[in-house]
Amino acid sequence: MTTTISTFESILNHTHSGLRWVALILLILAIFYAFTAKKFEKKHKMITLFAMVTLHLQFVIGIVQYFLSEKVTFAAGWMKNPLHRFYGMEHLIGMLLAIVLITIGYSKSKRKENDADKFKTIRLFYLIGFILILLFIPWPFRINLGGGWF
């Protein structure tokens, strides 16, 4: 049973880590087009939609990991441990905030009448969300978080 759970956790961890790159690339594309494109075309709508959907999928996988991971514990003194505080609170809140902002940006942009307003909304919400995501990813260079490139 323990081997099955650890295998499942390993699959979730690799999926979550790998899908991060897909989400980041889609966000970069959506933001790039929001700054450079003049006419809001179907490809722009699809990229912004896929970026948002990928982030929602990341969130679902992350929530499952949240309840399975040994990195999340609420034992006495967990807030004093940088690893437990990061995964138990900081990562979750930062990513949730980013996903909410990106979702709001997508929804608001759909209601805009002209292309310039659609792109302006995407620029604002997706860029802030992207910055938050970069801040709350457990990058390998962040000491004591146990993150990796993949």
C-alpha atoms as a PDB file:
ATOM      1  CA  MET A   1       0.000   0.000   0.000  1.00  0.00           C
ATOM      2  CA  THR A   2       2.782   2.458   0.910  1.00  0.00           C
ATOM      3  CA  THR A   3       4.573   1.747  -2.372  1.00  0.00           C
ATOM      4  CA  THR A   4       1.382   2.478  -4.296  1.00  0.00           C
ATOM      5  CA  ILE A   5       0.913   5.791  -2.474  1.00  0.00           C
ATOM      6  CA  SER A   6       4.537   6.833  -2.981  1.00  0.00           C
ATOM      7  CA  THR A   7       4.301   5.915  -6.684  1.00  0.00           C
ATOM      8  CA  PHE A   8       1.102   7.967  -6.982  1.00  0.00           C
ATOM      9  CA  GLU A   9       2.775  10.893  -5.194  1.00  0.00           C
ATOM     10  CA  SER A  10       5.777  10.632  -7.516  1.00  0.00           C
ATOM     11  CA  ILE A  11       3.524  10.671 -10.599  1.00  0.00           C
ATOM     12  CA  LEU A  12       1.610  13.673  -9.260  1.00  0.00           C
ATOM     13  CA  ASN A  13       4.830  15.505  -8.423  1.00  0.00           C
ATOM     14  CA  HIS A  14       6.338  14.945 -11.874  1.00  0.00           C
ATOM     15  CA  THR A  15       3.066  15.864 -13.584  1.00  0.00           C
ATOM     16  CA  HIS A  16       2.719  19.030 -11.515  1.00  0.00           C
ATOM     17  CA  SER A  17       6.355  19.991 -12.144  1.00  0.00           C
ATOM     18  CA  GLY A  18       6.229  19.257 -15.875  1.00  0.00           C
ATOM     19  CA  LEU A  19       2.889  20.956 -16.441  1.00  0.00           C
ATOM     20  CA  ARG A  20       4.360  24.066 -14.836  1.00  0.00           C
ATOM     21  CA  TRP A  21       6.405  24.616 -18.005  1.00  0.00           C
ATOM     22  CA  VAL A  22       3.358  24.294 -20.239  1.00  0.00           C
ATOM     23  CA  ALA A  23       1.499  26.817 -18.079  1.00  0.00           C
ATOM     24  CA  LEU A  24       4.426  29.253 -18.072  1.00  0.00           C
ATOM     25  CA  ILE A  25       4.870  29.049 -21.843  1.00  0.00           C
ATOM     26  CA  LEU A  26       1.146  29.609 -22.440  1.00  0.00           C
ATOM     27  CA  LEU A  27       1.155  32.568 -20.054  1.00  0.00           C
ATOM     28  CA  ILE A  28       4.189  34.076 -21.772  1.00  0.00           C
ATOM     29  CA  LEU A  29       2.487  33.682 -25.158  1.00  0.00           C
ATOM     30  CA  ALA A  30      -0.759  35.218 -23.898  1.00  0.00           C
ATOM     31  CA  ILE A  31       1.105  38.168 -22.380  1.00  0.00           C
ATOM     32  CA  PHE A  32       3.307  38.594 -25.459  1.00  0.00           C
ATOM     33  CA  TYR A  33       0.269  38.723 -27.757  1.00  0.00           C
ATOM     34  CA  ALA A  34      -1.507  41.095 -25.375  1.00  0.00           C
ATOM     35  CA  PHE A  35       1.390  43.526 -25.797  1.00  0.00           C
ATOM     36  CA  THR A  36       2.024  43.049 -29.527  1.00  0.00           C
ATOM     37  CA  ALA A  37      -1.156  41.973 -31.347  1.00  0.00           C
ATOM     38  CA  LYS A  38      -3.558  44.519 -32.822  1.00  0.00           C
ATOM     39  CA  LYS A  39      -6.553  42.341 -33.640  1.00  0.00           C
ATOM     40  CA  PHE A  40      -7.980  39.846 -31.150  1.00  0.00           C
ATOM     41  CA  GLU A  41      -8.200  36.628 -33.135  1.00  0.00           C
ATOM     42  CA  LYS A  42      -9.301  33.097 -32.315  1.00  0.00           C
ATOM     43  CA  LYS A  43      -5.687  32.033 -31.597  1.00  0.00           C
ATOM     44  CA  HIS A  44      -5.437  34.726 -28.903  1.00  0.00           C
ATOM     45  CA  LYS A  45      -8.653  33.556 -27.302  1.00  0.00           C
ATOM     46  CA  MET A  46      -7.456  29.939 -27.376  1.00  0.00           C
ATOM     47  CA  ILE A  47      -4.046  30.722 -25.871  1.00  0.00           C
ATOM     48  CA  THR A  48      -5.569  32.753 -23.034  1.00  0.00           C
ATOM     49  CA  LEU A  49      -8.145  30.012 -22.453  1.00  0.00           C
ATOM     50  CA  PHE A  50      -5.573  27.186 -22.507  1.00  0.00           C
ATOM     51  CA  ALA A  51      -3.312  29.126 -20.131  1.00  0.00           C
ATOM     52  CA  MET A  52      -6.194  29.513 -17.687  1.00  0.00           C
ATOM     53  CA  VAL A  53      -7.331  25.877 -18.017  1.00  0.00           C
ATOM     54  CA  THR A  54      -3.765  24.613 -17.547  1.00  0.00           C
ATOM     55  CA  LEU A  55      -3.501  26.637 -14.347  1.00  0.00           C
ATOM     56  CA  HIS A  56      -6.795  25.224 -13.096  1.00  0.00           C
ATOM     57  CA  LEU A  57      -5.526  21.712 -13.801  1.00  0.00           C
ATOM     58  CA  GLN A  58      -2.304  22.584 -11.957  1.00  0.00           C
ATOM     59  CA  PHE A  59      -4.392  23.742  -9.008  1.00  0.00           C
ATOM     60  CA  VAL A  60      -6.374  20.493  -8.870  1.00  0.00           C
ATOM     61  CA  ILE A  61      -3.192  18.415  -8.983  1.00  0.00           C
ATOM     62  CA  GLY A  62      -1.631  20.695  -6.362  1.00  0.00           C
ATOM     63  CA  ILE A  63      -4.581  20.315  -4.002  1.00  0.00           C
ATOM     64  CA  VAL A  64      -4.299  16.531  -4.184  1.00  0.00           C
ATOM     65  CA  GLN A  65      -0.576  16.853  -3.458  1.00  0.00           C
ATOM     66  CA  TYR A  66      -1.340  19.219  -0.591  1.00  0.00           C
ATOM     67  CA  PHE A  67      -3.182  16.467   1.263  1.00  0.00           C
ATOM     68  CA  LEU A  68      -0.704  13.703   0.417  1.00  0.00           C
ATOM     69  CA  SER A  69       2.663  15.407   0.767  1.00  0.00           C
ATOM     70  CA  GLU A  70       4.921  15.112   3.775  1.00  0.00           C
ATOM     71  CA  LYS A  71       6.025  18.683   3.008  1.00  0.00           C
ATOM     72  CA  VAL A  72       2.663  19.896   4.307  1.00  0.00           C
ATOM     73  CA  THR A  73       2.213  19.362   8.007  1.00  0.00           C
ATOM     74  CA  PHE A  74       0.458  21.317  10.710  1.00  0.00           C
ATOM     75  CA  ALA A  75       2.405  19.910  13.636  1.00  0.00           C
ATOM     76  CA  ALA A  76       3.472  22.278  16.377  1.00  0.00           C
ATOM     77  CA  GLY A  77       5.953  24.854  15.094  1.00  0.00           C
ATOM     78  CA  TRP A  78       5.252  24.266  11.398  1.00  0.00           C
ATOM     79  CA  MET A  79       5.291  28.030  10.697  1.00  0.00           C
ATOM     80  CA  LYS A  80       8.884  28.217  11.966  1.00  0.00           C
ATOM     81  CA  ASN A  81      10.022  25.615   9.431  1.00  0.00           C
ATOM     82  CA  PRO A  82      10.592  27.323   6.033  1.00  0.00           C
ATOM     83  CA  LEU A  83       9.778  24.158   4.068  1.00  0.00           C
ATOM     84  CA  HIS A  84       6.491  23.453   5.867  1.00  0.00           C
ATOM     85  CA  ARG A  85       5.463  27.124   5.872  1.00  0.00           C
ATOM     86  CA  PHE A  86       6.180  27.473   2.151  1.00  0.00           C
ATOM     87  CA  TYR A  87       4.228  24.387   1.055  1.00  0.00           C
ATOM     88  CA  GLY A  88       1.577  24.621   3.758  1.00  0.00           C
ATOM     89  CA  MET A  89       0.699  28.269   3.217  1.00  0.00           C
ATOM     90  CA  GLU A  90       2.826  30.480   0.953  1.00  0.00           C
ATOM     91  CA  HIS A  91       2.787  28.346  -2.211  1.00  0.00           C
ATOM     92  CA  LEU A  92      -0.926  27.607  -1.878  1.00  0.00           C
ATOM     93  CA  ILE A  93      -2.023  31.203  -1.244  1.00  0.00           C
ATOM     94  CA  GLY A  94       0.305  32.706  -3.867  1.00  0.00           C
ATOM     95  CA  MET A  95      -0.768  30.294  -6.590  1.00  0.00           C
ATOM     96  CA  LEU A  96      -4.441  30.538  -5.679  1.00  0.00           C
ATOM     97  CA  LEU A  97      -4.263  34.319  -5.894  1.00  0.00           C
ATOM     98  CA  ALA A  98      -2.504  34.115  -9.282  1.00  0.00           C
ATOM     99  CA  ILE A  99      -5.109  31.692 -10.662  1.00  0.00           C
ATOM    100  CA  VAL A 100      -7.974  33.846  -9.401  1.00  0.00           C
ATOM    101  CA  LEU A 101      -6.481  36.945 -11.038  1.00  0.00           C
ATOM    102  CA  ILE A 102      -5.914  35.160 -14.342  1.00  0.00           C
ATOM    103  CA  THR A 103      -9.445  33.744 -14.271  1.00  0.00           C
ATOM    104  CA  ILE A 104     -10.877  37.199 -13.590  1.00  0.00           C
ATOM    105  CA  GLY A 105      -8.750  38.620 -16.407  1.00  0.00           C
ATOM    106  CA  TYR A 106      -9.988  35.986 -18.841  1.00  0.00           C
ATOM    107  CA  SER A 107     -13.632  36.538 -17.842  1.00  0.00           C
ATOM    108  CA  LYS A 108     -13.381  40.334 -18.014  1.00  0.00           C
ATOM    109  CA  SER A 109     -11.607  40.247 -21.385  1.00  0.00           C
ATOM    110  CA  LYS A 110     -14.431  38.163 -22.870  1.00  0.00           C
ATOM    111  CA  ARG A 111     -16.921  40.908 -21.991  1.00  0.00           C
ATOM    112  CA  LYS A 112     -14.924  43.717 -23.563  1.00  0.00           C
ATOM    113  CA  GLU A 113     -16.240  45.057 -26.861  1.00  0.00           C
ATOM    114  CA  ASN A 114     -13.066  46.140 -28.639  1.00  0.00           C
ATOM    115  CA  ASP A 115      -9.778  44.367 -29.129  1.00  0.00           C
ATOM    116  CA  ALA A 116      -7.645  47.010 -27.399  1.00  0.00           C
ATOM    117  CA  ASP A 117      -9.661  46.649 -24.187  1.00  0.00           C
ATOM    118  CA  LYS A 118      -9.464  42.849 -24.367  1.00  0.00           C
ATOM    119  CA  PHE A 119      -5.677  42.961 -24.675  1.00  0.00           C
ATOM    120  CA  LYS A 120      -5.367  45.621 -21.959  1.00  0.00           C
ATOM    121  CA  THR A 121      -7.324  43.427 -19.520  1.00  0.00           C
ATOM    122  CA  ILE A 122      -5.252  40.354 -20.375  1.00  0.00           C
ATOM    123  CA  ARG A 123      -2.013  42.343 -20.022  1.00  0.00           C
ATOM    124  CA  LEU A 124      -2.936  43.538 -16.554  1.00  0.00           C
ATOM    125  CA  PHE A 125      -4.351  40.373 -14.987  1.00  0.00           C
ATOM    126  CA  TYR A 126      -2.156  37.792 -16.723  1.00  0.00           C
ATOM    127  CA  LEU A 127       1.037  39.744 -16.073  1.00  0.00           C
ATOM    128  CA  ILE A 128       0.305  40.155 -12.351  1.00  0.00           C
ATOM    129  CA  GLY A 129      -0.676  36.476 -12.145  1.00  0.00           C
ATOM    130  CA  PHE A 130       2.493  35.469 -14.007  1.00  0.00           C
ATOM    131  CA  ILE A 131       4.685  37.457 -11.609  1.00  0.00           C
ATOM    132  CA  LEU A 132       2.975  35.845  -8.609  1.00  0.00           C
ATOM    133  CA  ILE A 133       3.484  32.399 -10.100  1.00  0.00           C
ATOM    134  CA  LEU A 134       7.190  33.071 -10.629  1.00  0.00           C
ATOM    135  CA  LEU A 135       7.496  34.258  -7.029  1.00  0.00           C
ATOM    136  CA  PHE A 136       5.798  31.209  -5.523  1.00  0.00           C
ATOM    137  CA  ILE A 137       7.315  28.378  -7.559  1.00  0.00           C
ATOM    138  CA  PRO A 138       9.740  26.328  -5.435  1.00  0.00           C
ATOM    139  CA  TRP A 139      12.684  26.944  -7.766  1.00  0.00           C
ATOM    140  CA  PRO A 140      15.841  24.856  -7.208  1.00  0.00           C
ATOM    141  CA  PHE A 141      17.815  27.986  -6.282  1.00  0.00           C
ATOM    142  CA  ARG A 142      15.427  28.732  -3.394  1.00  0.00           C
ATOM    143  CA  ILE A 143      17.244  27.272  -0.424  1.00  0.00           C
ATOM    144  CA  ASN A 144      15.600  24.499   1.642  1.00  0.00           C
ATOM    145  CA  LEU A 145      12.436  24.113  -0.467  1.00  0.00           C
ATOM    146  CA  GLY A 146      13.358  20.903  -2.257  1.00  0.00           C
ATOM    147  CA  GLY A 147      12.159  22.157  -5.646  1.00  0.00           C
ATOM    148  CA  GLY A 148      13.573  21.041  -8.957  1.00  0.00           C
ATOM    149  CA  TRP A 149      13.570  22.105 -12.576  1.00  0.00           C
ATOM    150  CA  PHE A 150      11.271  19.211 -13.449  1.00  0.00           C
END
